[in-house]
Amino acid sequence: MKSVGLALVPLLFLRRMAPKERGRMLALLATYVYLAFLMLAVLNPTVDRNSLELTKVFFSASYVVLALWLGYGLVLLGVRIMKPSIPPPE
C-alpha cells in the first residue's frame, strides 16, 4: 500500500511541473485509466475462477504505469528532501 501512495506523489506536484512534464503525467493518467478501468468494462469478467485467470494478463500492463509513477514519486521526493530550504549566505 505504501508503493501506491508513492505512486500518487507526482500528482501532488502537478501544479509545480513545467507544461511539458505536466502533459506527460496527464497522458500517463489517461493511459492508466484506459488500461485499468476501461479494460475492465470492455472485458467484463465474471466472478468465476477460470474467467479471472484468463483476464488477469490483460491488467498487468497497468502496473507499468504505476511503476513509472512510483519512480517519478521517488525522484520528486528525493529532490524535495535534498533541496536546501534556506539558501546559503553569500
N, C-alpha and C. Protein backbone atom coordinates (compact mmCIF):
# COMPACT_ATOMS: atom_id res chain seq x y z
N MET A 1 0.81 -1.19 0.00
CA MET A 1 0.00 0.00 0.00
C MET A 1 0.86 1.26 0.00
N LYS A 2 2.07 1.17 0.58
CA LYS A 2 2.95 2.32 0.59
C LYS A 2 3.39 2.69 -0.83
N SER A 3 3.56 1.68 -1.66
CA SER A 3 4.01 1.97 -3.03
C SER A 3 2.92 2.70 -3.82
N VAL A 4 1.67 2.42 -3.54
CA VAL A 4 0.59 3.14 -4.22
C VAL A 4 0.59 4.60 -3.78
N GLY A 5 0.87 4.83 -2.50
CA GLY A 5 0.97 6.21 -2.01
C GLY A 5 2.11 6.96 -2.67
N LEU A 6 3.25 6.29 -2.82
CA LEU A 6 4.38 6.93 -3.50
C LEU A 6 4.09 7.12 -4.98
N ALA A 7 3.28 6.26 -5.57
CA ALA A 7 2.93 6.42 -6.98
C ALA A 7 2.03 7.63 -7.19
N LEU A 8 1.32 8.06 -6.16
CA LEU A 8 0.44 9.22 -6.28
C LEU A 8 1.13 10.54 -5.97
N VAL A 9 2.37 10.49 -5.50
CA VAL A 9 3.12 11.71 -5.18
C VAL A 9 3.29 12.63 -6.39
N PRO A 10 3.58 12.12 -7.60
CA PRO A 10 3.71 13.04 -8.73
C PRO A 10 2.45 13.86 -9.01
N LEU A 11 1.28 13.33 -8.67
CA LEU A 11 0.06 14.10 -8.88
C LEU A 11 -0.03 15.28 -7.92
N LEU A 12 0.65 15.19 -6.76
CA LEU A 12 0.67 16.30 -5.82
C LEU A 12 1.55 17.45 -6.33
N PHE A 13 2.55 17.12 -7.13
CA PHE A 13 3.47 18.12 -7.68
C PHE A 13 3.04 18.60 -9.07
N LEU A 14 1.83 18.29 -9.48
CA LEU A 14 1.39 18.58 -10.84
C LEU A 14 1.40 20.07 -11.15
N ARG A 15 1.01 20.90 -10.21
CA ARG A 15 0.96 22.35 -10.45
C ARG A 15 2.36 22.97 -10.56
N ARG A 16 3.33 22.35 -9.93
CA ARG A 16 4.69 22.89 -9.95
C ARG A 16 5.49 22.44 -11.16
N MET A 17 4.96 21.51 -11.93
CA MET A 17 5.70 20.98 -13.09
C MET A 17 5.59 21.93 -14.27
N ALA A 18 6.58 21.80 -15.15
CA ALA A 18 6.54 22.54 -16.41
C ALA A 18 5.42 21.94 -17.27
N PRO A 19 4.92 22.71 -18.22
CA PRO A 19 3.81 22.21 -19.04
C PRO A 19 4.12 20.90 -19.77
N LYS A 20 5.35 20.74 -20.21
CA LYS A 20 5.71 19.52 -20.92
C LYS A 20 5.62 18.30 -20.01
N GLU A 21 6.16 18.42 -18.80
CA GLU A 21 6.11 17.31 -17.85
C GLU A 21 4.69 17.08 -17.35
N ARG A 22 3.92 18.15 -17.19
CA ARG A 22 2.53 18.01 -16.78
C ARG A 22 1.74 17.26 -17.84
N GLY A 23 2.02 17.53 -19.10
CA GLY A 23 1.36 16.81 -20.18
C GLY A 23 1.70 15.33 -20.17
N ARG A 24 2.96 15.02 -19.87
CA ARG A 24 3.36 13.61 -19.78
C ARG A 24 2.63 12.90 -18.64
N MET A 25 2.52 13.58 -17.50
CA MET A 25 1.85 12.95 -16.37
C MET A 25 0.36 12.75 -16.64
N LEU A 26 -0.25 13.71 -17.29
CA LEU A 26 -1.67 13.56 -17.62
C LEU A 26 -1.88 12.49 -18.69
N ALA A 27 -0.92 12.36 -19.60
CA ALA A 27 -1.01 11.29 -20.59
C ALA A 27 -0.87 9.92 -19.92
N LEU A 28 0.01 9.82 -18.93
CA LEU A 28 0.13 8.58 -18.18
C LEU A 28 -1.14 8.29 -17.38
N LEU A 29 -1.77 9.33 -16.86
CA LEU A 29 -3.03 9.15 -16.14
C LEU A 29 -4.12 8.62 -17.07
N ALA A 30 -4.19 9.20 -18.27
CA ALA A 30 -5.17 8.72 -19.25
C ALA A 30 -4.88 7.28 -19.66
N THR A 31 -3.61 6.95 -19.81
CA THR A 31 -3.23 5.58 -20.16
C THR A 31 -3.61 4.62 -19.05
N TYR A 32 -3.40 5.01 -17.81
CA TYR A 32 -3.75 4.15 -16.69
C TYR A 32 -5.26 3.93 -16.63
N VAL A 33 -6.03 5.01 -16.82
CA VAL A 33 -7.48 4.87 -16.79
C VAL A 33 -7.95 3.92 -17.87
N TYR A 34 -7.35 4.03 -19.06
CA TYR A 34 -7.73 3.12 -20.13
C TYR A 34 -7.34 1.69 -19.79
N LEU A 35 -6.11 1.50 -19.36
CA LEU A 35 -5.62 0.14 -19.12
C LEU A 35 -6.31 -0.54 -17.94
N ALA A 36 -6.73 0.21 -16.95
CA ALA A 36 -7.33 -0.40 -15.77
C ALA A 36 -8.85 -0.44 -15.85
N PHE A 37 -9.47 0.71 -15.95
CA PHE A 37 -10.92 0.76 -15.80
C PHE A 37 -11.69 0.48 -17.09
N LEU A 38 -11.24 1.06 -18.19
CA LEU A 38 -11.94 0.77 -19.44
C LEU A 38 -11.73 -0.67 -19.89
N MET A 39 -10.56 -1.23 -19.59
CA MET A 39 -10.33 -2.63 -19.91
C MET A 39 -11.27 -3.52 -19.10
N LEU A 40 -11.52 -3.13 -17.88
CA LEU A 40 -12.47 -3.87 -17.05
C LEU A 40 -13.87 -3.82 -17.65
N ALA A 41 -14.26 -2.66 -18.14
CA ALA A 41 -15.58 -2.53 -18.75
C ALA A 41 -15.67 -3.30 -20.07
N VAL A 42 -14.60 -3.29 -20.84
CA VAL A 42 -14.63 -3.98 -22.14
C VAL A 42 -14.63 -5.49 -21.96
N LEU A 43 -13.76 -5.99 -21.08
CA LEU A 43 -13.67 -7.44 -20.88
C LEU A 43 -14.84 -8.00 -20.08
N ASN A 44 -15.34 -7.22 -19.13
CA ASN A 44 -16.46 -7.62 -18.29
C ASN A 44 -16.31 -9.04 -17.76
N PRO A 45 -15.28 -9.28 -16.95
CA PRO A 45 -15.05 -10.64 -16.46
C PRO A 45 -16.10 -11.05 -15.43
N THR A 46 -16.43 -12.32 -15.46
CA THR A 46 -17.35 -12.83 -14.45
C THR A 46 -16.55 -13.18 -13.20
N VAL A 47 -17.23 -13.59 -12.15
CA VAL A 47 -16.55 -13.82 -10.89
C VAL A 47 -16.05 -15.25 -10.73
N ASP A 48 -16.21 -16.09 -11.72
CA ASP A 48 -15.69 -17.45 -11.57
C ASP A 48 -14.17 -17.47 -11.74
N ARG A 49 -13.55 -18.48 -11.18
CA ARG A 49 -12.09 -18.56 -11.11
C ARG A 49 -11.44 -18.64 -12.48
N ASN A 50 -12.04 -19.37 -13.39
CA ASN A 50 -11.46 -19.54 -14.73
C ASN A 50 -11.44 -18.22 -15.50
N SER A 51 -12.50 -17.46 -15.41
CA SER A 51 -12.57 -16.17 -16.09
C SER A 51 -11.55 -15.18 -15.51
N LEU A 52 -11.39 -15.19 -14.21
CA LEU A 52 -10.43 -14.28 -13.58
C LEU A 52 -9.01 -14.62 -13.98
N GLU A 53 -8.69 -15.90 -14.09
CA GLU A 53 -7.35 -16.31 -14.50
C GLU A 53 -7.08 -15.92 -15.95
N LEU A 54 -8.08 -16.01 -16.80
CA LEU A 54 -7.89 -15.67 -18.22
C LEU A 54 -7.74 -14.18 -18.45
N THR A 55 -8.42 -13.36 -17.67
CA THR A 55 -8.37 -11.91 -17.89
C THR A 55 -7.28 -11.22 -17.07
N LYS A 56 -6.63 -11.94 -16.17
CA LYS A 56 -5.61 -11.33 -15.32
C LYS A 56 -4.44 -10.77 -16.14
N VAL A 57 -4.09 -11.40 -17.23
CA VAL A 57 -2.94 -10.95 -18.03
C VAL A 57 -3.20 -9.61 -18.71
N PHE A 58 -4.44 -9.28 -18.96
CA PHE A 58 -4.74 -8.01 -19.63
C PHE A 58 -4.53 -6.82 -18.69
N PHE A 59 -4.62 -7.03 -17.39
CA PHE A 59 -4.48 -5.94 -16.44
C PHE A 59 -3.05 -5.73 -15.98
N SER A 60 -2.15 -6.61 -16.36
CA SER A 60 -0.76 -6.46 -15.93
C SER A 60 -0.08 -5.25 -16.57
N ALA A 61 -0.57 -4.78 -17.70
CA ALA A 61 0.03 -3.62 -18.35
C ALA A 61 -0.18 -2.34 -17.54
N SER A 62 -1.23 -2.29 -16.74
CA SER A 62 -1.46 -1.08 -15.95
C SER A 62 -0.42 -0.94 -14.83
N TYR A 63 0.24 -2.04 -14.46
CA TYR A 63 1.30 -1.96 -13.44
C TYR A 63 2.53 -1.22 -13.97
N VAL A 64 2.71 -1.17 -15.26
CA VAL A 64 3.83 -0.43 -15.83
C VAL A 64 3.66 1.06 -15.54
N VAL A 65 2.46 1.56 -15.70
CA VAL A 65 2.19 2.97 -15.41
C VAL A 65 2.39 3.26 -13.92
N LEU A 66 1.94 2.35 -13.06
CA LEU A 66 2.16 2.54 -11.63
C LEU A 66 3.65 2.53 -11.29
N ALA A 67 4.42 1.69 -11.97
CA ALA A 67 5.86 1.65 -11.73
C ALA A 67 6.52 2.96 -12.17
N LEU A 68 6.08 3.52 -13.29
CA LEU A 68 6.62 4.82 -13.73
C LEU A 68 6.29 5.91 -12.73
N TRP A 69 5.05 5.94 -12.25
CA TRP A 69 4.67 6.93 -11.25
C TRP A 69 5.44 6.74 -9.96
N LEU A 70 5.69 5.51 -9.59
CA LEU A 70 6.48 5.24 -8.39
C LEU A 70 7.88 5.80 -8.54
N GLY A 71 8.49 5.60 -9.69
CA GLY A 71 9.82 6.16 -9.95
C GLY A 71 9.82 7.67 -9.93
N TYR A 72 8.83 8.28 -10.57
CA TYR A 72 8.73 9.74 -10.55
C TYR A 72 8.52 10.24 -9.12
N GLY A 73 7.70 9.55 -8.35
CA GLY A 73 7.45 9.96 -6.97
C GLY A 73 8.70 9.90 -6.12
N LEU A 74 9.49 8.84 -6.28
CA LEU A 74 10.73 8.72 -5.52
C LEU A 74 11.72 9.81 -5.90
N VAL A 75 11.81 10.11 -7.19
CA VAL A 75 12.72 11.17 -7.64
C VAL A 75 12.27 12.52 -7.11
N LEU A 76 10.97 12.81 -7.20
CA LEU A 76 10.48 14.10 -6.72
C LEU A 76 10.66 14.25 -5.21
N LEU A 77 10.42 13.19 -4.46
CA LEU A 77 10.64 13.27 -3.02
C LEU A 77 12.12 13.41 -2.69
N GLY A 78 12.97 12.72 -3.42
CA GLY A 78 14.41 12.84 -3.20
C GLY A 78 14.91 14.24 -3.48
N VAL A 79 14.44 14.84 -4.55
CA VAL A 79 14.83 16.22 -4.87
C VAL A 79 14.30 17.18 -3.82
N ARG A 80 13.09 16.95 -3.38
CA ARG A 80 12.48 17.83 -2.37
C ARG A 80 13.22 17.74 -1.03
N ILE A 81 13.64 16.53 -0.67
CA ILE A 81 14.36 16.35 0.59
C ILE A 81 15.77 16.93 0.51
N MET A 82 16.44 16.74 -0.61
CA MET A 82 17.83 17.18 -0.74
C MET A 82 17.96 18.66 -1.05
N LYS A 83 16.92 19.28 -1.49
CA LYS A 83 16.96 20.72 -1.81
C LYS A 83 17.00 21.52 -0.51
N PRO A 84 18.00 22.37 -0.35
CA PRO A 84 18.07 23.15 0.90
C PRO A 84 16.92 24.15 0.96
N SER A 85 16.31 24.24 2.11
CA SER A 85 15.18 25.16 2.25
C SER A 85 15.66 26.60 2.46
N ILE A 86 16.85 26.78 3.04
CA ILE A 86 17.40 28.12 3.24
C ILE A 86 18.63 28.25 2.35
N PRO A 87 18.64 29.26 1.50
CA PRO A 87 19.81 29.42 0.63
C PRO A 87 21.06 29.76 1.44
N PRO A 88 22.23 29.28 0.99
CA PRO A 88 23.45 29.58 1.74
C PRO A 88 23.77 31.09 1.67
N PRO A 89 24.37 31.61 2.73
CA PRO A 89 24.70 33.06 2.73
C PRO A 89 25.80 33.36 1.73
N GLU A 90 25.73 34.55 1.19
CA GLU A 90 26.73 34.93 0.18
C GLU A 90 27.82 35.76 0.80
